[in-house]
Protein backbone atom coordinates (compact mmCIF):
# COMPACT_ATOMS: atom_id res chain seq x y z
CA MET A 1 -42.66 -12.60 -1.17
CA ILE A 2 -40.79 -14.83 1.19
CA GLU A 3 -39.57 -16.94 -1.79
CA SER A 4 -38.19 -13.88 -3.70
CA ALA A 5 -35.75 -13.08 -0.97
CA ARG A 6 -33.01 -15.38 -2.10
CA ASP A 7 -30.15 -13.61 -0.39
CA TYR A 8 -31.84 -13.95 2.90
CA ALA A 9 -32.70 -17.00 5.05
CA ILE A 10 -36.32 -16.47 6.11
CA ILE A 11 -37.16 -19.26 8.75
CA GLY A 12 -40.41 -19.65 10.65
CA VAL A 13 -39.79 -21.00 14.12
CA SER A 14 -42.37 -22.28 16.67
CA ILE A 15 -42.52 -21.09 20.37
CA GLU A 16 -40.71 -24.36 21.09
CA GLY A 17 -37.90 -23.61 18.54
CA ILE A 18 -38.90 -26.06 15.85
CA ILE A 19 -38.51 -24.99 12.23
CA LEU A 20 -41.96 -24.50 10.57
CA SER A 21 -41.06 -22.78 7.33
CA TRP A 22 -38.14 -22.34 5.12
CA ASN A 23 -37.67 -20.11 2.10
CA SER A 24 -35.36 -20.74 -0.88
CA GLY A 25 -32.82 -18.30 0.58
CA ALA A 26 -32.48 -20.50 3.78
CA GLU A 27 -31.97 -23.57 1.50
CA LEU A 28 -29.22 -21.74 -0.54
CA ILE A 29 -27.40 -20.52 2.62
CA PHE A 30 -27.95 -23.46 4.89
CA GLY A 31 -27.97 -26.34 2.27
CA TYR A 32 -31.06 -28.14 3.60
CA GLY A 33 -34.17 -28.65 1.42
CA GLU A 34 -37.43 -27.63 3.01
CA ASP A 35 -38.59 -31.33 3.31
CA GLU A 36 -35.41 -32.11 5.28
CA ILE A 37 -35.59 -29.31 7.79
CA ILE A 38 -39.25 -28.71 8.58
CA GLY A 39 -39.93 -30.16 12.11
CA GLN A 40 -36.19 -30.05 13.12
CA SER A 41 -35.04 -28.01 16.03
CA ALA A 42 -33.43 -24.69 15.09
CA ASP A 43 -30.49 -25.86 17.24
CA ILE A 44 -29.36 -27.92 14.06
CA LEU A 45 -28.33 -24.54 12.48
CA PHE A 46 -26.08 -23.50 15.33
CA THR A 47 -22.38 -24.58 15.89
CA PRO A 48 -21.76 -27.27 18.61
CA ALA A 49 -20.28 -24.55 20.94
CA ASP A 50 -23.38 -22.42 20.53
CA ARG A 51 -25.67 -25.50 21.05
CA LYS A 52 -23.84 -26.16 24.38
CA LEU A 53 -24.57 -22.61 25.30
CA ASN A 54 -28.27 -22.96 24.30
CA ALA A 55 -27.88 -20.04 21.83
CA ALA A 56 -31.18 -20.81 20.03
CA GLN A 57 -33.14 -20.72 23.29
CA LYS A 58 -31.37 -17.67 24.35
CA GLU A 59 -32.35 -15.84 21.24
CA ILE A 60 -35.91 -16.91 21.76
CA GLU A 61 -35.95 -15.63 25.32
CA THR A 62 -34.45 -12.28 24.23
CA ALA A 63 -37.06 -12.00 21.59
CA LEU A 64 -39.77 -12.68 24.12
CA LYS A 65 -38.53 -9.98 26.37
CA THR A 66 -37.64 -7.31 23.72
CA GLY A 67 -39.65 -8.25 20.60
CA SER A 68 -36.39 -9.26 18.65
CA ALA A 69 -32.98 -10.64 19.06
CA SER A 70 -30.23 -9.64 16.84
CA ASP A 71 -27.05 -11.64 16.39
CA GLU A 72 -23.87 -12.19 14.42
CA ARG A 73 -22.41 -15.61 14.80
CA TRP A 74 -21.09 -18.68 13.01
CA HIS A 75 -23.63 -21.23 11.88
CA ILE A 76 -23.45 -24.64 10.38
CA ARG A 77 -24.59 -25.74 6.88
CA LYS A 78 -25.86 -29.19 6.05
CA ASP A 79 -22.44 -30.25 4.82
CA GLY A 80 -20.84 -29.34 8.10
CA SER A 81 -19.15 -26.29 6.85
CA GLN A 82 -19.52 -23.00 8.81
CA PHE A 83 -20.43 -19.64 7.75
CA PHE A 84 -20.81 -16.30 9.43
CA ALA A 85 -24.25 -14.73 9.43
CA SER A 86 -26.00 -11.82 10.78
CA GLY A 87 -29.58 -12.05 11.57
CA VAL A 88 -32.54 -11.13 13.75
CA LEU A 89 -35.37 -13.18 15.33
CA HIS A 90 -38.59 -11.33 15.51
CA GLU A 91 -41.79 -12.31 17.44
CA LEU A 92 -44.80 -13.25 15.38
CA ARG A 93 -48.12 -12.29 17.13
CA SER A 94 -51.67 -12.48 16.06
CA ASP A 95 -53.82 -9.46 15.71
CA ASN A 96 -55.03 -9.94 19.35
CA GLY A 97 -51.45 -10.08 20.51
CA GLN A 98 -51.10 -13.84 20.97
CA LEU A 99 -47.58 -15.19 20.38
CA LEU A 100 -47.71 -17.44 17.38
CA GLY A 101 -44.02 -18.12 17.03
CA PHE A 102 -40.90 -16.39 15.47
CA VAL A 103 -39.27 -15.55 12.18
CA LYS A 104 -35.58 -15.52 11.77
CA ILE A 105 -34.09 -13.59 8.87
CA ALA A 106 -30.40 -14.12 8.37
CA ARG A 107 -27.83 -13.39 5.78
CA ASP A 108 -24.57 -14.98 4.98
CA GLN A 109 -21.79 -12.38 5.84
CA THR A 110 -18.77 -14.79 5.47
CA ASP A 111 -17.54 -12.88 2.31
CA LYS A 112 -17.90 -9.53 4.06
CA LEU A 113 -16.18 -10.86 7.16
CA ALA A 114 -13.23 -12.11 4.96
CA ALA A 115 -12.98 -8.85 3.16
CA GLU A 116 -12.90 -6.87 6.39
CA LYS A 117 -10.08 -9.31 7.57
CA VAL A 118 -8.14 -8.70 4.40
CA ILE A 119 -8.55 -4.85 4.82
CA ARG A 120 -7.34 -5.32 8.45
CA ASP A 121 -4.47 -7.51 7.46
CA HIS A 122 -3.45 -5.07 4.68
CA GLU A 123 -3.38 -2.10 7.10
CA MET A 124 -1.30 -4.17 9.53
CA LEU A 125 1.04 -5.03 6.79
CA LYS A 126 1.37 -1.41 5.85
CA LYS A 127 2.21 -0.61 9.39
CA VAL A 128 4.87 -3.35 9.58
CA VAL A 129 6.50 -2.45 6.28
CA GLY A 130 6.46 1.26 7.47
CA ALA A 131 8.20 0.35 10.65
CA LEU A 132 10.74 -1.78 8.62
CA GLU A 133 11.42 1.08 6.25
CA ASP A 134 11.83 3.47 9.13
CA GLU A 135 14.22 1.10 10.82
CA ARG A 136 16.15 0.54 7.55
CA ARG A 137 16.61 4.33 7.12
CA ARG A 138 17.67 4.65 10.78
CA ILE A 139 20.33 1.87 10.36
CA ALA A 140 21.54 3.39 6.95
CA ARG A 141 21.74 6.83 8.59
CA ASP A 142 23.64 5.40 11.62
CA LEU A 143 26.05 3.47 9.30
CA HIS A 144 26.51 6.50 7.06
CA ASP A 145 27.33 8.73 10.03
CA GLU A 146 29.62 6.20 11.65
CA LEU A 147 31.36 5.38 8.41
CA GLY A 148 31.74 9.00 7.54
CA GLN A 149 33.43 9.73 10.82
CA GLN A 150 35.78 6.88 10.44
CA LEU A 151 36.60 7.82 6.77
CA THR A 152 37.28 11.43 7.93
CA ALA A 153 39.67 10.11 10.57
CA LEU A 154 41.37 7.90 8.11
CA ARG A 155 41.91 10.77 5.62
CA LEU A 156 43.27 12.98 8.34
CA LYS A 157 45.66 10.15 9.60
CA LEU A 158 46.77 9.47 5.93
CA GLU A 159 47.35 13.26 5.53
CA HIS A 160 49.56 13.23 8.61
CA CYS A 161 51.37 10.14 7.32
CA ARG A 162 51.99 11.72 3.88
CA LYS A 163 53.40 14.84 5.62
CA ILE A 164 55.89 12.90 7.66
CA SER A 165 56.84 10.39 5.02
CA ILE A 166 59.87 10.92 2.83
CA ASP A 167 59.39 7.84 0.73
CA GLN A 168 57.77 8.98 -2.58
CA SER A 169 56.26 5.36 -3.34
CA PHE A 170 54.73 5.42 0.14
CA CYS A 171 53.25 8.90 -0.52
CA LYS A 172 51.71 7.64 -3.77
CA GLU A 173 50.14 4.69 -1.96
CA ILE A 174 48.69 7.17 0.62
CA ASP A 175 47.41 9.36 -2.32
CA GLU A 176 45.53 6.36 -3.73
CA ILE A 177 44.06 5.37 -0.39
CA GLN A 178 42.85 9.00 0.13
CA SER A 179 41.22 9.21 -3.25
CA ILE A 180 39.36 5.92 -2.50
CA ALA A 181 38.33 7.22 0.96
CA LYS A 182 37.08 10.54 -0.68
CA LYS A 183 34.69 8.49 -2.79
CA TYR A 184 32.81 7.43 0.34
C-alpha cells in the first residue's frame, strides 16, 4: 500500500529523527533513492533556514505532545531545488502504546502554490487596471468639461466680435472659427 501512494512521500522516521523507510512517492518528490536516504537525518530534507531553527526536531516534539504535527513549508530536493510541501508527522505506537517512531506523509504543493499566486496576481492586476480605467475616465471627463467651457467662452467672444466687426472678410473668418469650435 505504501508503494502505491506515488503522489505522497511516506517516510518512516525513528524517535531520533533518522529516516528508516522511504516510498517511491518520496523518491519522486525528494529525488533520493531509498538506498541513499535510509539512515540519514530527516534534517537533510529541510531548508538551511529551517535546519537552523531545528524544524525537524520541533515537528517531532509537537507530534510527541499532540500525536501529530502538520506543516506547510519549503523543503529541499537532492538536486538542491526547493519545493513547497504540506505534510503531517504522526506518531507510530505499538499495540501496548510504546512509541516506535513516526511516519511523515507529505505532498508537493508547489504547483498549487504557484497557481494560487497567479490567481492573486491576476486579481491584483484587475484592480490596478480598474483603477487606471477609472482615472482615465475622470481625466477625460475633466478635460471634456474644461474644454467645453473654454469652447463655449470662445464661441461667445467670437459672436461678440462678429457683431461689432464691420469688415466682411473678418466676419467670414469668425464664422469659420465658430464652425470649428462647434464640432467640439
